[in-house]
Amino acid sequence: MSKRIFSVSIMMLVCLLLCFSVSFSSDKEFPVRPIEVIVPYSPGGQTDTTARAIAEYYNIGQPMAAVNMPGGGGSIAIMEVYRAEPDGSRILIVSRELQMFGRLSGTIPTPTWKEMICLGLLTFDADVISVSKDSPFNSFQDLVDYAKENPGELTWGAAGTGSSNHVFSATIWDEFGMDINYVPYKGNADARIAVLGGHLDVNFGSVSEAKSFVDSGELKPLLITSAQKNKFLPNVPVLGDFGKDMSFGVTTGLWAPPGTPKETVAKLSSALEELFHNQDFVDLMTNKLHYEVIWQDPESVRKSMEKDMPEYEAMVKRVLAE
């Protein structure tokens, strides 16, 4: 009887050692399976095209695939990764702006911007204020003058109430004393279609999405929301031309679930940073997709978000109270 007990004990010990060995091995061998990049929007948009470009060039020893989970103003995808197993196999592509503004406006129920782990920011896309080719407005000053002389008549559309586009737009209205009729849309593409169809006066959207319409002559760009000239639309006035030291846009990167091991985070972040130095990737993003390729490491992202959050919170409260 004692021999049987001893034998069973030995077998249990061996099983425990094997389980520990497999667990230890799996962690050291990351990644052991393909990686999913969860996209908060439908295929074809700004974030989706960035995700697919990253997946094409990301070199970490396993395939990477973009998976679209639109809805809820981005909250569905964000919460999906927030609750995911923290093993590095499921990560999120999203802008720092959505992480912050989504929480402030109530779209995201949890402070994911504090708890999720940023792997780095890789692209920046400035915003542009544009009108249709048939619009009577030929300059941003025309918009300012009309909005002051005709309070509430100028229709201005962008993605969502309480979104970064909405808050940034409202900040510009305040800066220039404009009285605007804001029209929220599900996405910038919908607002742009409304402008092109003559149903909306102004669209506030990204340079990357507007550029092809500007090049074809369908849209007239009136102002880019940065202090410095934009490399993709260099002849368009910027906020700096009006004496405003402000820059608005979307800074996009990858995020891992809370609790992801430091070693896994380091591998994912290092592979992402390599893209900043990959000329083929940079050429694709710059020449075809019209994004500025940047690099901001995880610690810098965390510090910048903590610094900007109080200002953004004040902006959101002011906008939603109006």
Protein backbone atom coordinates (compact mmCIF):
# COMPACT_ATOMS: atom_id res chain seq x y z
CA MET A 1 0.00 0.00 0.00
CA SER A 2 2.79 2.40 0.90
CA LYS A 3 4.51 1.59 -2.39
CA ARG A 4 1.34 2.54 -4.30
CA ILE A 5 1.07 5.82 -2.39
CA PHE A 6 4.74 6.53 -3.04
CA SER A 7 4.29 5.73 -6.75
CA VAL A 8 1.24 7.98 -7.07
CA SER A 9 3.07 10.79 -5.28
CA ILE A 10 5.98 10.49 -7.68
CA MET A 11 3.61 10.64 -10.65
CA MET A 12 1.89 13.74 -9.27
CA LEU A 13 5.24 15.41 -8.69
CA VAL A 14 6.31 14.64 -12.25
CA CYS A 15 3.06 16.07 -13.61
CA LEU A 16 3.50 19.26 -11.59
CA LEU A 17 7.08 19.64 -12.82
CA LEU A 18 5.96 19.10 -16.41
CA CYS A 19 3.21 21.72 -16.06
CA PHE A 20 5.70 24.18 -14.59
CA SER A 21 8.16 23.38 -17.36
CA VAL A 22 5.55 23.92 -20.10
CA SER A 23 4.39 27.17 -18.52
CA PHE A 24 7.95 28.42 -18.12
CA SER A 25 8.84 27.34 -21.65
CA SER A 26 5.78 29.01 -23.17
CA ASP A 27 6.63 32.31 -21.52
CA LYS A 28 10.26 32.16 -22.64
CA GLU A 29 9.31 31.19 -26.17
CA PHE A 30 6.84 34.01 -26.80
CA PRO A 31 5.29 34.24 -29.27
CA VAL A 32 4.07 30.66 -29.61
CA ARG A 33 1.05 31.39 -31.83
CA PRO A 34 -0.17 34.02 -34.33
CA ILE A 35 -0.97 37.49 -32.99
CA GLU A 36 -4.28 39.27 -33.52
CA VAL A 37 -4.40 43.05 -33.77
CA ILE A 38 -7.91 44.16 -32.82
CA VAL A 39 -9.17 47.18 -34.80
CA PRO A 40 -12.00 49.28 -33.27
CA TYR A 41 -13.43 50.22 -36.68
CA SER A 42 -14.68 48.71 -39.92
CA PRO A 43 -12.24 47.82 -42.74
CA GLY A 44 -10.89 50.62 -44.92
CA GLY A 45 -10.49 53.43 -42.43
CA GLN A 46 -7.44 55.14 -41.03
CA THR A 47 -6.82 52.76 -38.12
CA ASP A 48 -7.58 49.67 -40.18
CA THR A 49 -5.10 50.54 -42.94
CA THR A 50 -2.44 51.26 -40.32
CA ALA A 51 -3.09 47.91 -38.63
CA ARG A 52 -2.74 46.01 -41.90
CA ALA A 53 0.48 47.82 -42.78
CA ILE A 54 1.93 47.03 -39.36
CA ALA A 55 0.84 43.39 -39.65
CA GLU A 56 2.56 43.10 -43.04
CA TYR A 57 5.95 44.31 -41.77
CA TYR A 58 5.89 43.33 -38.08
CA ASN A 59 8.70 40.84 -37.46
CA ILE A 60 8.30 38.85 -34.27
CA GLY A 61 8.45 35.24 -35.43
CA GLN A 62 4.71 34.68 -35.82
CA PRO A 63 2.10 35.91 -38.33
CA MET A 64 0.03 38.93 -37.37
CA ALA A 65 -3.53 39.52 -38.56
CA ALA A 66 -5.91 42.48 -38.21
CA VAL A 67 -9.34 41.66 -36.78
CA ASN A 68 -12.08 44.30 -37.04
CA MET A 69 -14.42 44.80 -34.07
CA PRO A 70 -16.34 48.02 -34.79
CA GLY A 71 -19.04 49.51 -32.61
CA GLY A 72 -19.59 51.36 -29.38
CA GLY A 73 -17.39 54.27 -30.40
CA GLY A 74 -14.39 51.95 -30.22
CA SER A 75 -15.28 50.59 -26.78
CA ILE A 76 -16.10 47.06 -27.98
CA ALA A 77 -12.61 46.45 -29.33
CA ILE A 78 -10.90 48.24 -26.46
CA MET A 79 -12.74 46.25 -23.79
CA GLU A 80 -12.16 43.02 -25.74
CA VAL A 81 -8.40 43.45 -25.46
CA TYR A 82 -8.61 44.95 -21.97
CA ARG A 83 -10.18 41.67 -20.78
CA ALA A 84 -8.05 39.40 -22.96
CA GLU A 85 -5.55 36.86 -21.66
CA PRO A 86 -2.35 38.87 -21.06
CA ASP A 87 -0.13 36.58 -23.11
CA GLY A 88 0.61 38.95 -26.00
CA SER A 89 -1.44 37.01 -28.55
CA ARG A 90 -4.21 39.62 -28.72
CA ILE A 91 -3.30 43.31 -28.82
CA LEU A 92 -5.09 46.51 -29.74
CA ILE A 93 -4.42 49.25 -32.26
CA VAL A 94 -5.92 52.54 -31.18
CA SER A 95 -5.04 56.19 -30.79
CA ARG A 96 -4.05 57.67 -27.48
CA GLU A 97 -6.76 60.24 -28.11
CA LEU A 98 -9.54 57.63 -28.27
CA GLN A 99 -8.26 55.94 -25.11
CA MET A 100 -8.43 59.25 -23.25
CA PHE A 101 -11.49 60.92 -24.77
CA GLY A 102 -13.50 57.70 -24.77
CA ARG A 103 -13.08 57.42 -21.02
CA LEU A 104 -13.77 61.11 -20.40
CA SER A 105 -16.96 61.13 -22.48
CA GLY A 106 -18.25 57.87 -20.97
CA THR A 107 -17.91 55.76 -24.12
CA ILE A 108 -15.29 53.57 -22.43
CA PRO A 109 -16.58 52.44 -19.00
CA THR A 110 -13.14 51.69 -17.50
CA PRO A 111 -9.96 53.81 -17.32
CA THR A 112 -8.22 51.55 -19.82
CA TRP A 113 -5.74 54.31 -20.66
CA LYS A 114 -4.23 53.86 -17.19
CA GLU A 115 -4.30 50.08 -17.03
CA MET A 116 -3.50 48.89 -20.53
CA ILE A 117 0.14 48.78 -21.59
CA CYS A 118 1.13 50.93 -24.54
CA LEU A 119 3.74 49.22 -26.73
CA GLY A 120 4.58 52.49 -28.49
CA LEU A 121 3.05 55.08 -30.81
CA LEU A 122 4.02 54.86 -34.47
CA THR A 123 1.93 57.23 -36.60
CA PHE A 124 0.57 60.75 -36.41
CA ASP A 125 -2.20 62.12 -38.60
CA ALA A 126 -3.09 65.81 -38.39
CA ASP A 127 -6.67 66.99 -38.85
CA VAL A 128 -7.88 69.19 -41.66
CA ILE A 129 -10.92 71.44 -41.97
CA SER A 130 -12.38 71.13 -45.47
CA VAL A 131 -15.39 72.06 -47.58
CA SER A 132 -16.73 70.88 -50.94
CA LYS A 133 -15.38 72.24 -54.21
CA ASP A 134 -18.67 74.11 -54.74
CA SER A 135 -18.65 75.75 -51.32
CA PRO A 136 -18.69 79.57 -51.23
CA PHE A 137 -16.02 79.43 -48.53
CA ASN A 138 -12.50 79.76 -49.90
CA SER A 139 -10.53 80.33 -46.71
CA PHE A 140 -10.74 79.53 -43.03
CA GLN A 141 -11.23 83.23 -42.35
CA ASP A 142 -14.37 83.02 -44.52
CA LEU A 143 -15.71 80.36 -42.12
CA VAL A 144 -14.84 82.43 -39.08
CA ASP A 145 -16.53 85.54 -40.43
CA TYR A 146 -19.67 83.67 -41.50
CA ALA A 147 -19.99 81.83 -38.17
CA LYS A 148 -19.76 85.11 -36.28
CA GLU A 149 -22.23 86.94 -38.53
CA ASN A 150 -24.69 84.02 -38.76
CA PRO A 151 -24.74 82.31 -35.33
CA GLY A 152 -25.64 78.62 -35.43
CA GLU A 153 -26.12 78.43 -39.20
CA LEU A 154 -22.79 76.91 -40.26
CA THR A 155 -23.03 73.10 -40.10
CA TRP A 156 -19.85 71.33 -39.06
CA GLY A 157 -19.59 67.55 -39.00
CA ALA A 158 -17.16 65.01 -37.54
CA ALA A 159 -17.15 61.63 -35.81
CA GLY A 160 -19.27 61.43 -32.67
CA THR A 161 -20.25 63.56 -29.72
CA GLY A 162 -17.49 63.77 -27.14
CA SER A 163 -14.93 62.31 -29.55
CA SER A 164 -11.50 63.84 -30.03
CA ASN A 165 -12.72 65.31 -33.33
CA HIS A 166 -15.66 66.95 -31.58
CA VAL A 167 -13.57 68.27 -28.68
CA PHE A 168 -10.78 69.54 -30.95
CA SER A 169 -13.37 71.20 -33.20
CA ALA A 170 -15.01 72.92 -30.24
CA THR A 171 -11.63 74.15 -29.03
CA ILE A 172 -11.07 75.81 -32.39
CA TRP A 173 -14.53 77.41 -32.29
CA ASP A 174 -13.73 78.86 -28.88
CA GLU A 175 -10.33 80.10 -30.01
CA PHE A 176 -11.84 81.97 -32.98
CA GLY A 177 -15.18 82.97 -31.45
CA MET A 178 -17.25 80.87 -33.86
CA ASP A 179 -20.92 79.94 -33.29
CA ILE A 180 -21.36 76.52 -34.93
CA ASN A 181 -24.11 73.96 -35.48
CA TYR A 182 -22.29 70.69 -34.78
CA VAL A 183 -23.57 67.55 -36.54
CA PRO A 184 -22.16 64.26 -35.18
CA TYR A 185 -21.66 61.29 -37.52
CA LYS A 186 -20.71 57.66 -36.94
CA GLY A 187 -17.40 58.32 -38.65
CA ASN A 188 -15.49 60.92 -40.60
CA ALA A 189 -16.19 59.10 -43.85
CA ASP A 190 -19.93 59.71 -43.36
CA ALA A 191 -19.37 63.39 -42.62
CA ARG A 192 -17.14 63.73 -45.68
CA ILE A 193 -19.82 62.15 -47.89
CA ALA A 194 -22.33 64.65 -46.52
CA VAL A 195 -20.00 67.54 -47.39
CA LEU A 196 -19.39 66.19 -50.88
CA GLY A 197 -23.13 65.81 -51.36
CA GLY A 198 -23.85 69.39 -50.28
CA HIS A 199 -25.70 68.35 -47.10
CA LEU A 200 -23.06 69.67 -44.71
CA ASP A 201 -20.92 72.81 -44.83
CA VAL A 202 -17.70 71.69 -43.12
CA ASN A 203 -15.89 68.44 -42.35
CA PHE A 204 -13.28 68.02 -39.63
CA GLY A 205 -11.24 64.90 -40.42
CA SER A 206 -7.78 63.48 -40.91
CA VAL A 207 -5.32 64.57 -43.58
CA SER A 208 -4.71 60.97 -44.67
CA GLU A 209 -8.39 60.36 -45.41
CA ALA A 210 -8.98 63.74 -47.06
CA LYS A 211 -5.87 63.96 -49.23
CA SER A 212 -7.11 61.95 -52.22
CA PHE A 213 -10.28 64.09 -52.31
CA VAL A 214 -8.17 67.23 -52.11
CA ASP A 215 -5.91 66.00 -54.91
CA SER A 216 -8.93 65.23 -57.11
CA GLY A 217 -10.38 68.68 -56.46
CA GLU A 218 -13.51 67.40 -54.70
CA LEU A 219 -12.57 68.97 -51.38
CA LYS A 220 -11.10 72.37 -50.57
CA PRO A 221 -8.80 72.24 -47.53
CA LEU A 222 -9.03 75.46 -45.54
CA LEU A 223 -6.95 74.79 -42.42
CA ILE A 224 -4.73 72.09 -40.97
CA THR A 225 -4.85 71.81 -37.20
CA SER A 226 -1.15 72.02 -36.45
CA ALA A 227 1.30 74.74 -35.57
CA GLN A 228 3.68 73.79 -38.39
CA LYS A 229 3.11 73.21 -42.12
CA ASN A 230 1.93 69.74 -43.10
CA LYS A 231 4.22 67.75 -45.42
CA PHE A 232 1.28 66.21 -47.32
CA LEU A 233 -0.63 69.45 -47.89
CA PRO A 234 2.16 72.05 -47.61
CA ASN A 235 0.22 74.91 -49.18
CA VAL A 236 -2.69 74.75 -46.78
CA PRO A 237 -2.71 77.28 -43.89
CA VAL A 238 -2.14 75.94 -40.37
CA LEU A 239 -3.11 77.14 -36.90
CA GLY A 240 0.39 78.54 -36.53
CA ASP A 241 -0.39 81.00 -39.32
CA PHE A 242 -3.09 82.45 -37.05
CA GLY A 243 -0.73 82.71 -34.11
CA LYS A 244 -2.07 79.58 -32.42
CA ASP A 245 0.55 77.27 -30.92
CA MET A 246 -1.75 74.23 -31.01
CA SER A 247 -1.68 70.88 -32.80
CA PHE A 248 -4.57 68.44 -33.04
CA GLY A 249 -4.58 65.03 -34.63
CA VAL A 250 -4.50 61.29 -34.04
CA THR A 251 -1.47 59.47 -32.67
CA THR A 252 -1.84 55.73 -33.14
CA GLY A 253 -0.02 52.75 -31.66
CA LEU A 254 -0.39 49.28 -30.16
CA TRP A 255 -1.60 48.31 -26.67
CA ALA A 256 -1.47 45.11 -24.64
CA PRO A 257 -3.84 43.91 -21.89
CA PRO A 258 -3.11 44.79 -18.26
CA GLY A 259 -0.81 42.26 -16.64
CA THR A 260 1.12 41.33 -19.78
CA PRO A 261 4.59 40.10 -18.69
CA LYS A 262 7.42 42.61 -19.00
CA GLU A 263 9.42 40.26 -21.25
CA THR A 264 6.48 39.94 -23.65
CA VAL A 265 5.91 43.70 -23.65
CA ALA A 266 9.59 44.28 -24.40
CA LYS A 267 9.51 41.94 -27.41
CA LEU A 268 6.32 43.44 -28.81
CA SER A 269 7.55 47.00 -28.29
CA SER A 270 10.98 46.30 -29.81
CA ALA A 271 9.40 44.78 -32.92
CA LEU A 272 7.15 47.82 -33.25
CA GLU A 273 10.07 50.24 -32.92
CA GLU A 274 11.90 48.37 -35.69
CA LEU A 275 9.19 49.50 -38.11
CA PHE A 276 10.22 53.10 -37.50
CA HIS A 277 13.58 52.19 -39.04
CA ASN A 278 12.16 49.98 -41.80
CA GLN A 279 12.34 52.08 -44.99
CA ASP A 280 9.80 49.94 -46.88
CA PHE A 281 7.27 50.43 -44.09
CA VAL A 282 8.02 54.15 -43.84
CA ASP A 283 7.63 54.56 -47.62
CA LEU A 284 4.27 52.77 -47.57
CA MET A 285 2.92 54.84 -44.69
CA THR A 286 4.27 58.12 -46.01
CA ASN A 287 3.94 57.91 -49.79
CA LYS A 288 0.78 55.84 -50.13
CA LEU A 289 -1.19 56.25 -46.90
CA HIS A 290 0.00 59.78 -46.03
CA TYR A 291 0.72 59.26 -42.34
CA GLU A 292 3.66 60.75 -40.50
CA VAL A 293 5.77 57.92 -39.09
CA ILE A 294 6.97 58.69 -35.56
CA TRP A 295 8.23 56.74 -32.57
CA GLN A 296 7.20 57.32 -28.98
CA ASP A 297 8.29 54.66 -26.50
CA PRO A 298 5.89 53.25 -23.87
CA GLU A 299 7.23 55.24 -20.94
CA SER A 300 7.05 58.52 -22.88
CA VAL A 301 3.47 57.70 -23.87
CA ARG A 302 2.49 57.07 -20.27
CA LYS A 303 4.02 60.35 -19.11
CA SER A 304 2.46 62.38 -21.93
CA MET A 305 -1.00 60.93 -21.26
CA GLU A 306 -0.76 61.68 -17.55
CA LYS A 307 0.34 65.23 -18.40
CA ASP A 308 -2.41 65.85 -20.97
CA MET A 309 -5.30 64.19 -19.13
CA PRO A 310 -6.26 67.13 -16.87
CA GLU A 311 -6.36 69.50 -19.85
CA TYR A 312 -8.37 67.05 -21.93
CA GLU A 313 -10.76 66.46 -19.05
CA ALA A 314 -11.42 70.19 -18.79
CA MET A 315 -11.96 70.38 -22.55
CA VAL A 316 -14.46 67.49 -22.56
CA LYS A 317 -16.41 68.87 -19.59
CA ARG A 318 -16.66 72.24 -21.28
CA VAL A 319 -17.78 70.78 -24.62
CA LEU A 320 -20.36 68.38 -23.19
CA ALA A 321 -21.80 71.11 -20.97
CA GLU A 322 -22.55 73.35 -23.95
